[in-house]
Amino acid sequence: MIKKTIKELELDLQLGREEKVPYSPIDRIFDVYNTICVTKIMNTEEYKRASGAGNTIGIKRDIRLAKLILKFIEIVSPGGEAIDKFYLARDLKLDGPIEEIESTISKMDDSDKESITEAVLVQLAVAKSDIYQLEPKLVMRQLKTNVLKNPDNLNHYLSAVDDKVDTVIDAFEENPITTAGDLKKSCCKRSKSN
């Protein structure tokens, strides 16, 4: 009960009624997920009331975003608890690219949803390494529009990237990243050796 009261006060201060304190999207996503799913201090409805949110839709979306971010972290920095490495999401500014693909992936009921998610997150890791020379959010938008929303292209995409996804995941198993800079160095090193 005390933890819940402290959390309500914290939310009132951070997202307060008088003057809002700037809260990065990644910090917000982490806070929602940590409060509701990890520490279970509050449920969705209690968080909505304490934060002053109009409804629970955004809160539920933040939980889905956090789960995608955690999967990304598990890929690029395996070992240990992904939740303890949420700082990577902030450093890599994952909110925009992850938000770009979240609703499309969440709506999939395909039996290949896990494979699709893994392939997309590996492609995001490569995009974050600057190999594409495009903004990662744009890479994810193009992937969503041209591949994820087109069943024929999606099947072709999955078969075309299957081995590459495994290779990249294996490489991260051997050399997990611990900083945002590690991702760029790691992917650049791999692209030069291929």
N, C-alpha and C. Protein backbone atom coordinates (compact mmCIF):
# COMPACT_ATOMS: atom_id res chain seq x y z
N MET A 1 0.82 -1.19 0.00
CA MET A 1 0.00 0.00 0.00
C MET A 1 0.87 1.26 0.00
N ILE A 2 1.96 1.23 0.76
CA ILE A 2 2.85 2.39 0.81
C ILE A 2 3.51 2.61 -0.55
N LYS A 3 3.93 1.51 -1.21
CA LYS A 3 4.55 1.65 -2.53
C LYS A 3 3.57 2.29 -3.51
N LYS A 4 2.31 1.90 -3.42
CA LYS A 4 1.30 2.45 -4.31
C LYS A 4 1.12 3.96 -4.05
N THR A 5 1.05 4.36 -2.79
CA THR A 5 0.90 5.78 -2.45
C THR A 5 2.10 6.59 -2.93
N ILE A 6 3.30 6.04 -2.74
CA ILE A 6 4.52 6.71 -3.22
C ILE A 6 4.47 6.86 -4.73
N LYS A 7 4.04 5.80 -5.42
CA LYS A 7 3.96 5.84 -6.88
C LYS A 7 2.95 6.90 -7.32
N GLU A 8 1.81 6.99 -6.64
CA GLU A 8 0.81 8.00 -6.99
C GLU A 8 1.39 9.40 -6.82
N LEU A 9 2.13 9.62 -5.74
CA LEU A 9 2.77 10.92 -5.52
C LEU A 9 3.81 11.21 -6.60
N GLU A 10 4.58 10.19 -6.95
CA GLU A 10 5.59 10.35 -8.00
C GLU A 10 4.94 10.73 -9.32
N LEU A 11 3.86 10.04 -9.67
CA LEU A 11 3.15 10.36 -10.91
C LEU A 11 2.56 11.76 -10.86
N ASP A 12 2.05 12.14 -9.70
CA ASP A 12 1.49 13.47 -9.56
C ASP A 12 2.56 14.54 -9.76
N LEU A 13 3.77 14.26 -9.28
CA LEU A 13 4.87 15.21 -9.46
C LEU A 13 5.37 15.22 -10.90
N GLN A 14 5.54 14.04 -11.49
CA GLN A 14 6.08 13.95 -12.84
C GLN A 14 5.08 14.39 -13.89
N LEU A 15 3.87 13.98 -13.73
CA LEU A 15 2.85 14.27 -14.73
C LEU A 15 1.81 15.23 -14.14
N GLY A 16 2.23 15.91 -13.11
CA GLY A 16 1.38 16.71 -12.23
C GLY A 16 0.35 17.60 -12.87
N ARG A 17 -0.52 18.03 -12.02
CA ARG A 17 -1.65 18.83 -12.45
C ARG A 17 -1.24 20.28 -12.74
N GLU A 18 -0.28 20.82 -11.99
CA GLU A 18 0.08 22.22 -12.15
C GLU A 18 1.01 22.44 -13.34
N GLU A 19 2.17 21.81 -13.31
CA GLU A 19 3.13 21.98 -14.40
C GLU A 19 3.77 20.64 -14.68
N LYS A 20 3.63 20.18 -15.89
CA LYS A 20 4.17 18.87 -16.24
C LYS A 20 5.68 18.92 -16.37
N VAL A 21 6.33 17.88 -15.85
CA VAL A 21 7.77 17.73 -15.96
C VAL A 21 8.02 16.96 -17.25
N PRO A 22 8.96 17.43 -18.09
CA PRO A 22 9.23 16.69 -19.32
C PRO A 22 9.60 15.23 -19.01
N TYR A 23 8.96 14.33 -19.70
CA TYR A 23 9.13 12.91 -19.46
C TYR A 23 9.39 12.29 -20.83
N SER A 24 10.56 11.74 -21.06
CA SER A 24 10.86 11.18 -22.37
C SER A 24 9.91 10.02 -22.66
N PRO A 25 9.60 9.81 -23.94
CA PRO A 25 8.70 8.70 -24.27
C PRO A 25 9.21 7.35 -23.75
N ILE A 26 10.50 7.11 -23.83
CA ILE A 26 11.06 5.84 -23.35
C ILE A 26 10.90 5.73 -21.84
N ASP A 27 11.15 6.82 -21.12
CA ASP A 27 10.96 6.79 -19.66
C ASP A 27 9.51 6.54 -19.30
N ARG A 28 8.59 7.15 -20.05
CA ARG A 28 7.16 6.92 -19.80
C ARG A 28 6.80 5.45 -20.05
N ILE A 29 7.26 4.92 -21.17
CA ILE A 29 6.97 3.53 -21.52
C ILE A 29 7.52 2.60 -20.45
N PHE A 30 8.76 2.84 -20.03
CA PHE A 30 9.37 2.02 -19.00
C PHE A 30 8.59 2.13 -17.69
N ASP A 31 8.20 3.34 -17.32
CA ASP A 31 7.49 3.54 -16.06
C ASP A 31 6.16 2.80 -16.05
N VAL A 32 5.41 2.92 -17.14
CA VAL A 32 4.13 2.22 -17.23
C VAL A 32 4.36 0.71 -17.09
N TYR A 33 5.28 0.17 -17.88
CA TYR A 33 5.53 -1.27 -17.86
C TYR A 33 6.04 -1.73 -16.49
N ASN A 34 6.99 -1.01 -15.94
CA ASN A 34 7.57 -1.39 -14.65
C ASN A 34 6.52 -1.34 -13.55
N THR A 35 5.71 -0.28 -13.53
CA THR A 35 4.71 -0.11 -12.48
C THR A 35 3.61 -1.16 -12.56
N ILE A 36 3.15 -1.46 -13.77
CA ILE A 36 2.00 -2.36 -13.94
C ILE A 36 2.42 -3.82 -14.08
N CYS A 37 3.47 -4.10 -14.83
CA CYS A 37 3.82 -5.48 -15.16
C CYS A 37 4.93 -6.08 -14.30
N VAL A 38 5.88 -5.27 -13.88
CA VAL A 38 7.03 -5.81 -13.14
C VAL A 38 6.79 -5.74 -11.64
N THR A 39 6.65 -4.52 -11.11
CA THR A 39 6.47 -4.38 -9.66
C THR A 39 5.02 -4.59 -9.25
N LYS A 40 4.12 -4.45 -10.19
CA LYS A 40 2.68 -4.63 -9.96
C LYS A 40 2.16 -3.75 -8.82
N ILE A 41 2.71 -2.53 -8.75
CA ILE A 41 2.26 -1.58 -7.74
C ILE A 41 0.84 -1.10 -8.04
N MET A 42 0.53 -0.97 -9.32
CA MET A 42 -0.79 -0.51 -9.75
C MET A 42 -1.26 -1.37 -10.92
N ASN A 43 -2.57 -1.35 -11.12
CA ASN A 43 -3.09 -1.94 -12.34
C ASN A 43 -3.33 -0.81 -13.34
N THR A 44 -3.81 -1.14 -14.51
CA THR A 44 -3.97 -0.15 -15.58
C THR A 44 -4.91 0.97 -15.17
N GLU A 45 -6.02 0.62 -14.57
CA GLU A 45 -7.01 1.61 -14.15
C GLU A 45 -6.45 2.54 -13.07
N GLU A 46 -5.74 1.99 -12.11
CA GLU A 46 -5.14 2.81 -11.05
C GLU A 46 -4.09 3.75 -11.63
N TYR A 47 -3.29 3.24 -12.59
CA TYR A 47 -2.28 4.08 -13.23
C TYR A 47 -2.95 5.22 -13.99
N LYS A 48 -4.04 4.91 -14.66
CA LYS A 48 -4.77 5.94 -15.41
C LYS A 48 -5.22 7.06 -14.47
N ARG A 49 -5.81 6.70 -13.35
CA ARG A 49 -6.28 7.72 -12.39
C ARG A 49 -5.12 8.52 -11.82
N ALA A 50 -4.04 7.83 -11.42
CA ALA A 50 -2.91 8.52 -10.78
C ALA A 50 -2.17 9.42 -11.77
N SER A 51 -2.12 9.04 -13.04
CA SER A 51 -1.38 9.83 -14.04
C SER A 51 -2.23 10.91 -14.69
N GLY A 52 -3.54 10.84 -14.47
CA GLY A 52 -4.43 11.82 -15.09
C GLY A 52 -4.73 11.52 -16.55
N ALA A 53 -4.44 10.31 -16.99
CA ALA A 53 -4.74 9.92 -18.37
C ALA A 53 -6.25 9.85 -18.56
N GLY A 54 -6.71 10.18 -19.73
CA GLY A 54 -8.14 10.17 -20.02
C GLY A 54 -8.73 8.77 -20.13
N ASN A 55 -7.90 7.82 -20.59
CA ASN A 55 -8.35 6.44 -20.73
C ASN A 55 -7.14 5.51 -20.62
N THR A 56 -7.39 4.22 -20.76
CA THR A 56 -6.30 3.25 -20.62
C THR A 56 -5.70 2.84 -21.96
N ILE A 57 -6.19 3.36 -23.05
CA ILE A 57 -5.69 2.96 -24.38
C ILE A 57 -4.20 3.23 -24.51
N GLY A 58 -3.76 4.42 -24.18
CA GLY A 58 -2.34 4.77 -24.27
C GLY A 58 -1.48 3.96 -23.31
N ILE A 59 -2.02 3.68 -22.15
CA ILE A 59 -1.29 2.88 -21.16
C ILE A 59 -1.08 1.46 -21.68
N LYS A 60 -2.12 0.88 -22.24
CA LYS A 60 -2.00 -0.47 -22.80
C LYS A 60 -1.04 -0.48 -23.99
N ARG A 61 -1.06 0.58 -24.77
CA ARG A 61 -0.13 0.67 -25.90
C ARG A 61 1.30 0.76 -25.39
N ASP A 62 1.53 1.55 -24.34
CA ASP A 62 2.87 1.65 -23.76
C ASP A 62 3.37 0.29 -23.29
N ILE A 63 2.49 -0.54 -22.77
CA ILE A 63 2.89 -1.89 -22.34
C ILE A 63 3.30 -2.72 -23.55
N ARG A 64 2.55 -2.62 -24.64
CA ARG A 64 2.91 -3.35 -25.86
C ARG A 64 4.23 -2.84 -26.42
N LEU A 65 4.43 -1.52 -26.40
CA LEU A 65 5.70 -0.94 -26.86
C LEU A 65 6.86 -1.45 -26.01
N ALA A 66 6.66 -1.49 -24.70
CA ALA A 66 7.71 -1.97 -23.80
C ALA A 66 8.07 -3.42 -24.11
N LYS A 67 7.08 -4.23 -24.40
CA LYS A 67 7.36 -5.64 -24.71
C LYS A 67 8.18 -5.77 -25.99
N LEU A 68 7.88 -4.95 -27.00
CA LEU A 68 8.68 -4.96 -28.23
C LEU A 68 10.10 -4.47 -27.95
N ILE A 69 10.22 -3.43 -27.16
CA ILE A 69 11.54 -2.91 -26.80
C ILE A 69 12.34 -3.98 -26.06
N LEU A 70 11.70 -4.68 -25.14
CA LEU A 70 12.40 -5.73 -24.40
C LEU A 70 12.86 -6.85 -25.32
N LYS A 71 12.03 -7.20 -26.32
CA LYS A 71 12.46 -8.22 -27.30
C LYS A 71 13.68 -7.73 -28.08
N PHE A 72 13.66 -6.45 -28.45
CA PHE A 72 14.80 -5.86 -29.16
C PHE A 72 16.06 -5.97 -28.29
N ILE A 73 15.94 -5.60 -27.03
CA ILE A 73 17.08 -5.66 -26.11
C ILE A 73 17.57 -7.10 -25.94
N GLU A 74 16.65 -8.05 -25.86
CA GLU A 74 17.04 -9.46 -25.75
C GLU A 74 17.83 -9.91 -26.97
N ILE A 75 17.54 -9.34 -28.13
CA ILE A 75 18.27 -9.70 -29.35
C ILE A 75 19.67 -9.09 -29.35
N VAL A 76 19.77 -7.78 -29.09
CA VAL A 76 21.06 -7.10 -29.23
C VAL A 76 21.95 -7.21 -28.00
N SER A 77 21.34 -7.52 -26.86
CA SER A 77 22.11 -7.62 -25.62
C SER A 77 21.62 -8.80 -24.78
N PRO A 78 21.79 -10.02 -25.34
CA PRO A 78 21.30 -11.19 -24.63
C PRO A 78 22.07 -11.42 -23.32
N GLY A 79 21.42 -12.10 -22.42
CA GLY A 79 22.02 -12.38 -21.12
C GLY A 79 21.53 -11.38 -20.10
N GLY A 80 21.26 -11.84 -18.92
CA GLY A 80 20.75 -10.95 -17.89
C GLY A 80 19.30 -10.61 -18.14
N GLU A 81 18.80 -9.70 -17.36
CA GLU A 81 17.41 -9.27 -17.48
C GLU A 81 17.30 -8.08 -18.43
N ALA A 82 16.50 -8.22 -19.46
CA ALA A 82 16.34 -7.14 -20.44
C ALA A 82 15.80 -5.87 -19.77
N ILE A 83 14.94 -6.00 -18.79
CA ILE A 83 14.37 -4.84 -18.12
C ILE A 83 15.46 -3.99 -17.47
N ASP A 84 16.55 -4.62 -17.05
CA ASP A 84 17.66 -3.88 -16.44
C ASP A 84 18.49 -3.12 -17.47
N LYS A 85 18.21 -3.35 -18.75
CA LYS A 85 18.96 -2.69 -19.83
C LYS A 85 18.08 -1.73 -20.62
N PHE A 86 17.00 -1.27 -19.99
CA PHE A 86 16.08 -0.36 -20.68
C PHE A 86 16.77 0.94 -21.08
N TYR A 87 17.89 1.26 -20.42
CA TYR A 87 18.66 2.46 -20.77
C TYR A 87 19.09 2.41 -22.24
N LEU A 88 19.28 1.20 -22.78
CA LEU A 88 19.66 1.08 -24.20
C LEU A 88 18.56 1.66 -25.10
N ALA A 89 17.32 1.44 -24.72
CA ALA A 89 16.20 1.97 -25.50
C ALA A 89 16.23 3.49 -25.53
N ARG A 90 16.56 4.10 -24.40
CA ARG A 90 16.66 5.56 -24.34
C ARG A 90 17.84 6.04 -25.17
N ASP A 91 18.99 5.39 -24.98
CA ASP A 91 20.20 5.79 -25.71
C ASP A 91 20.04 5.61 -27.22
N LEU A 92 19.34 4.57 -27.63
CA LEU A 92 19.13 4.29 -29.05
C LEU A 92 17.92 5.02 -29.63
N LYS A 93 17.18 5.71 -28.76
CA LYS A 93 15.98 6.44 -29.19
C LYS A 93 15.04 5.53 -29.98
N LEU A 94 14.65 4.44 -29.33
CA LEU A 94 13.82 3.43 -29.99
C LEU A 94 12.34 3.78 -30.07
N ASP A 95 11.90 4.80 -29.34
CA ASP A 95 10.47 5.08 -29.29
C ASP A 95 9.85 5.29 -30.68
N GLY A 96 10.44 6.13 -31.51
CA GLY A 96 9.88 6.40 -32.84
C GLY A 96 9.79 5.17 -33.73
N PRO A 97 10.91 4.46 -33.93
CA PRO A 97 10.85 3.27 -34.79
C PRO A 97 9.93 2.17 -34.25
N ILE A 98 9.93 1.97 -32.94
CA ILE A 98 9.08 0.93 -32.35
C ILE A 98 7.60 1.33 -32.48
N GLU A 99 7.31 2.62 -32.24
CA GLU A 99 5.93 3.09 -32.38
C GLU A 99 5.44 2.92 -33.82
N GLU A 100 6.34 3.03 -34.77
CA GLU A 100 5.99 2.91 -36.18
C GLU A 100 5.44 1.52 -36.52
N ILE A 101 5.96 0.49 -35.88
CA ILE A 101 5.58 -0.89 -36.24
C ILE A 101 4.66 -1.56 -35.23
N GLU A 102 4.52 -0.99 -34.06
CA GLU A 102 3.79 -1.66 -32.96
C GLU A 102 2.37 -2.06 -33.34
N SER A 103 1.59 -1.14 -33.86
CA SER A 103 0.18 -1.48 -34.11
C SER A 103 0.04 -2.56 -35.17
N THR A 104 0.87 -2.52 -36.18
CA THR A 104 0.80 -3.53 -37.25
C THR A 104 1.18 -4.91 -36.70
N ILE A 105 2.24 -4.98 -35.92
CA ILE A 105 2.66 -6.26 -35.34
C ILE A 105 1.63 -6.75 -34.32
N SER A 106 1.11 -5.85 -33.51
CA SER A 106 0.14 -6.24 -32.49
C SER A 106 -1.13 -6.82 -33.08
N LYS A 107 -1.52 -6.34 -34.26
CA LYS A 107 -2.75 -6.81 -34.89
C LYS A 107 -2.58 -8.13 -35.63
N MET A 108 -1.35 -8.57 -35.81
CA MET A 108 -1.12 -9.82 -36.54
C MET A 108 -1.58 -11.01 -35.71
N ASP A 109 -2.28 -11.92 -36.37
CA ASP A 109 -2.65 -13.16 -35.71
C ASP A 109 -2.02 -14.35 -36.42
N ASP A 110 -1.07 -14.04 -37.24
CA ASP A 110 -0.36 -15.02 -38.04
C ASP A 110 0.45 -15.97 -37.15
N SER A 111 0.54 -17.19 -37.56
CA SER A 111 1.35 -18.15 -36.81
C SER A 111 2.84 -17.80 -36.87
N ASP A 112 3.20 -16.96 -37.84
CA ASP A 112 4.60 -16.54 -37.99
C ASP A 112 4.89 -15.22 -37.26
N LYS A 113 3.97 -14.78 -36.39
CA LYS A 113 4.12 -13.48 -35.74
C LYS A 113 5.46 -13.36 -35.00
N GLU A 114 5.88 -14.41 -34.33
CA GLU A 114 7.15 -14.36 -33.59
C GLU A 114 8.33 -14.21 -34.55
N SER A 115 8.31 -14.96 -35.64
CA SER A 115 9.38 -14.85 -36.65
C SER A 115 9.38 -13.48 -37.30
N ILE A 116 8.20 -12.96 -37.58
CA ILE A 116 8.09 -11.63 -38.18
C ILE A 116 8.65 -10.58 -37.23
N THR A 117 8.25 -10.65 -35.98
CA THR A 117 8.71 -9.68 -34.98
C THR A 117 10.23 -9.73 -34.86
N GLU A 118 10.77 -10.93 -34.79
CA GLU A 118 12.23 -11.10 -34.68
C GLU A 118 12.94 -10.50 -35.89
N ALA A 119 12.43 -10.78 -37.09
CA ALA A 119 13.05 -10.26 -38.32
C ALA A 119 13.00 -8.73 -38.36
N VAL A 120 11.86 -8.17 -37.98
CA VAL A 120 11.71 -6.72 -37.99
C VAL A 120 12.64 -6.07 -36.96
N LEU A 121 12.75 -6.66 -35.78
CA LEU A 121 13.62 -6.09 -34.75
C LEU A 121 15.10 -6.21 -35.13
N VAL A 122 15.47 -7.28 -35.81
CA VAL A 122 16.84 -7.40 -36.31
C VAL A 122 17.08 -6.32 -37.36
N GLN A 123 16.11 -6.10 -38.23
CA GLN A 123 16.27 -5.05 -39.24
C GLN A 123 16.37 -3.68 -38.57
N LEU A 124 15.65 -3.47 -37.47
CA LEU A 124 15.76 -2.22 -36.72
C LEU A 124 17.17 -2.07 -36.15
N ALA A 125 17.73 -3.16 -35.63
CA ALA A 125 19.11 -3.09 -35.10
C ALA A 125 20.08 -2.68 -36.20
N VAL A 126 19.91 -3.24 -37.37
CA VAL A 126 20.78 -2.89 -38.50
C VAL A 126 20.54 -1.43 -38.90
N ALA A 127 19.28 -1.00 -38.91
CA ALA A 127 18.97 0.39 -39.24
C ALA A 127 19.58 1.35 -38.22
N LYS A 128 19.59 0.97 -36.97
CA LYS A 128 20.16 1.81 -35.92
C LYS A 128 21.68 1.88 -36.02
N SER A 129 22.28 0.99 -36.77
CA SER A 129 23.74 1.00 -36.93
C SER A 129 24.18 1.96 -38.05
N ASP A 130 23.22 2.57 -38.71
CA ASP A 130 23.47 3.53 -39.81
C ASP A 130 23.92 2.87 -41.10
N ILE A 131 23.80 1.57 -41.22
CA ILE A 131 24.18 0.89 -42.47
C ILE A 131 23.28 1.35 -43.62
N TYR A 132 22.00 1.58 -43.34
CA TYR A 132 21.05 1.98 -44.39
C TYR A 132 21.20 3.43 -44.82
N GLN A 133 21.81 4.25 -44.00
CA GLN A 133 21.91 5.68 -44.26
C GLN A 133 20.54 6.34 -44.32
N LEU A 134 19.55 5.74 -43.68
CA LEU A 134 18.21 6.29 -43.58
C LEU A 134 17.82 6.36 -42.11
N GLU A 135 16.94 7.27 -41.79
CA GLU A 135 16.40 7.37 -40.44
C GLU A 135 15.70 6.04 -40.11
N PRO A 136 16.03 5.40 -38.98
CA PRO A 136 15.41 4.12 -38.63
C PRO A 136 13.89 4.14 -38.62
N LYS A 137 13.30 5.26 -38.21
CA LYS A 137 11.84 5.36 -38.22
C LYS A 137 11.31 5.23 -39.65
N LEU A 138 12.02 5.81 -40.60
CA LEU A 138 11.64 5.72 -42.01
C LEU A 138 11.81 4.29 -42.52
N VAL A 139 12.89 3.63 -42.12
CA VAL A 139 13.10 2.23 -42.50
C VAL A 139 11.93 1.38 -42.01
N MET A 140 11.51 1.59 -40.75
CA MET A 140 10.41 0.82 -40.19
C MET A 140 9.09 1.17 -40.88
N ARG A 141 8.90 2.43 -41.23
CA ARG A 141 7.67 2.83 -41.94
C ARG A 141 7.60 2.15 -43.30
N GLN A 142 8.73 2.14 -44.03
CA GLN A 142 8.75 1.49 -45.34
C GLN A 142 8.53 -0.02 -45.21
N LEU A 143 9.13 -0.61 -44.20
CA LEU A 143 8.94 -2.04 -43.96
C LEU A 143 7.47 -2.34 -43.65
N LYS A 144 6.88 -1.51 -42.81
CA LYS A 144 5.46 -1.70 -42.46
C LYS A 144 4.58 -1.58 -43.70
N THR A 145 4.78 -0.52 -44.48
CA THR A 145 3.93 -0.25 -45.63
C THR A 145 4.13 -1.26 -46.75
N ASN A 146 5.38 -1.56 -47.07
CA ASN A 146 5.67 -2.39 -48.24
C ASN A 146 5.73 -3.88 -47.96
N VAL A 147 5.92 -4.26 -46.70
CA VAL A 147 6.09 -5.68 -46.39
C VAL A 147 5.04 -6.19 -45.40
N LEU A 148 4.99 -5.60 -44.24
CA LEU A 148 4.13 -6.14 -43.18
C LEU A 148 2.65 -6.11 -43.54
N LYS A 149 2.25 -5.13 -44.31
CA LYS A 149 0.84 -5.01 -44.69
C LYS A 149 0.52 -5.68 -46.02
N ASN A 150 1.47 -6.40 -46.59
CA ASN A 150 1.27 -7.07 -47.87
C ASN A 150 1.65 -8.55 -47.70
N PRO A 151 0.65 -9.43 -47.58
CA PRO A 151 0.93 -10.86 -47.31
C PRO A 151 1.91 -11.52 -48.28
N ASP A 152 1.81 -11.20 -49.58
CA ASP A 152 2.73 -11.81 -50.55
C ASP A 152 4.16 -11.35 -50.29
N ASN A 153 4.34 -10.07 -50.09
CA ASN A 153 5.67 -9.54 -49.81
C ASN A 153 6.19 -10.05 -48.46
N LEU A 154 5.30 -10.19 -47.50
CA LEU A 154 5.69 -10.66 -46.17
C LEU A 154 6.25 -12.08 -46.23
N ASN A 155 5.59 -12.95 -46.96
CA ASN A 155 6.09 -14.33 -47.09
C ASN A 155 7.46 -14.36 -47.77
N HIS A 156 7.60 -13.56 -48.82
CA HIS A 156 8.89 -13.49 -49.51
C HIS A 156 9.96 -12.92 -48.57
N TYR A 157 9.63 -11.88 -47.85
CA TYR A 157 10.56 -11.25 -46.90
C TYR A 157 11.05 -12.26 -45.87
N LEU A 158 10.11 -12.99 -45.28
CA LEU A 158 10.50 -13.97 -44.25
C LEU A 158 11.45 -15.03 -44.79
N SER A 159 11.18 -15.53 -45.96
CA SER A 159 12.07 -16.56 -46.52
C SER A 159 13.42 -15.95 -46.93
N ALA A 160 13.41 -14.71 -47.37
CA ALA A 160 14.66 -14.07 -47.82
C ALA A 160 15.58 -13.72 -46.66
N VAL A 161 15.02 -13.36 -45.51
CA VAL A 161 15.86 -12.89 -44.40
C VAL A 161 16.10 -13.94 -43.32
N ASP A 162 15.49 -15.09 -43.44
CA ASP A 162 15.55 -16.11 -42.38
C ASP A 162 16.98 -16.42 -41.93
N ASP A 163 17.85 -16.78 -42.85
CA ASP A 163 19.24 -17.11 -42.49
C ASP A 163 19.99 -15.90 -41.95
N LYS A 164 19.73 -14.74 -42.54
CA LYS A 164 20.42 -13.52 -42.10
C LYS A 164 20.03 -13.14 -40.68
N VAL A 165 18.75 -13.31 -40.35
CA VAL A 165 18.28 -13.01 -38.99
C VAL A 165 19.01 -13.90 -38.00
N ASP A 166 19.10 -15.19 -38.31
CA ASP A 166 19.81 -16.11 -37.42
C ASP A 166 21.28 -15.74 -37.28
N THR A 167 21.90 -15.33 -38.37
CA THR A 167 23.32 -14.94 -38.33
C THR A 167 23.53 -13.73 -37.43
N VAL A 168 22.65 -12.73 -37.57
CA VAL A 168 22.78 -11.52 -36.76
C VAL A 168 22.53 -11.84 -35.28
N ILE A 169 21.52 -12.63 -35.01
CA ILE A 169 21.23 -13.00 -33.61
C ILE A 169 22.40 -13.76 -33.00
N ASP A 170 22.98 -14.69 -33.77
CA ASP A 170 24.16 -15.43 -33.29
C ASP A 170 25.32 -14.49 -33.00
N ALA A 171 25.50 -13.50 -33.86
CA ALA A 171 26.59 -12.53 -33.66
C ALA A 171 26.39 -11.73 -32.37
N PHE A 172 25.15 -11.35 -32.10
CA PHE A 172 24.88 -10.64 -30.84
C PHE A 172 25.04 -11.56 -29.63
N GLU A 173 24.78 -12.84 -29.82
CA GLU A 173 25.01 -13.80 -28.73
C GLU A 173 26.49 -13.82 -28.36
N GLU A 174 27.34 -13.76 -29.38
CA GLU A 174 28.79 -13.77 -29.16
C GLU A 174 29.30 -12.43 -28.63
N ASN A 175 28.69 -11.34 -29.07
CA ASN A 175 29.13 -9.99 -28.68
C ASN A 175 27.94 -9.11 -28.34
N PRO A 176 27.34 -9.31 -27.17
CA PRO A 176 26.19 -8.47 -26.81
C PRO A 176 26.60 -7.01 -26.64
N ILE A 177 25.71 -6.12 -26.99
CA ILE A 177 26.03 -4.70 -26.83
C ILE A 177 25.71 -4.26 -25.40
N THR A 178 26.43 -3.25 -24.94
CA THR A 178 26.15 -2.68 -23.62
C THR A 178 25.90 -1.18 -23.72
N THR A 179 26.21 -0.58 -24.87
CA THR A 179 25.95 0.84 -25.10
C THR A 179 25.42 1.02 -26.51
N ALA A 180 24.81 2.18 -26.74
CA ALA A 180 24.31 2.49 -28.08
C ALA A 180 25.44 2.50 -29.10
N GLY A 181 26.60 2.99 -28.71
CA GLY A 181 27.76 3.02 -29.60
C GLY A 181 28.22 1.64 -30.01
N ASP A 182 28.06 0.66 -29.12
CA ASP A 182 28.44 -0.72 -29.44
C ASP A 182 27.66 -1.26 -30.63
N LEU A 183 26.41 -0.85 -30.76
CA LEU A 183 25.58 -1.35 -31.86
C LEU A 183 26.15 -0.91 -33.19
N LYS A 184 26.52 0.34 -33.29
CA LYS A 184 27.08 0.85 -34.54
C LYS A 184 28.40 0.17 -34.86
N LYS A 185 29.27 0.06 -33.86
CA LYS A 185 30.57 -0.59 -34.07
C LYS A 185 30.39 -2.05 -34.46
N SER A 186 29.48 -2.74 -33.77
CA SER A 186 29.26 -4.16 -33.99
C SER A 186 28.74 -4.43 -35.40
N CYS A 187 27.71 -3.68 -35.82
CA CYS A 187 27.14 -3.90 -37.15
C CYS A 187 28.09 -3.46 -38.26
N CYS A 188 28.82 -2.38 -38.03
CA CYS A 188 29.79 -1.93 -39.05
C CYS A 188 30.87 -2.96 -39.24
N LYS A 189 31.34 -3.57 -38.14
CA LYS A 189 32.36 -4.60 -38.21
C LYS A 189 31.84 -5.81 -38.97
N ARG A 190 30.57 -6.19 -38.71
CA ARG A 190 29.99 -7.35 -39.39
C ARG A 190 29.82 -7.07 -40.87
N SER A 191 29.40 -5.85 -41.24
CA SER A 191 29.17 -5.57 -42.65
C SER A 191 30.48 -5.55 -43.45
N LYS A 192 31.56 -5.17 -42.80
CA LYS A 192 32.85 -5.18 -43.49
C LYS A 192 33.38 -6.59 -43.69
N SER A 193 33.02 -7.49 -42.75
CA SER A 193 33.52 -8.86 -42.86
C SER A 193 32.70 -9.71 -43.81
N ASN A 194 31.50 -9.24 -44.20
CA ASN A 194 30.65 -10.02 -45.10
C ASN A 194 30.94 -9.73 -46.54
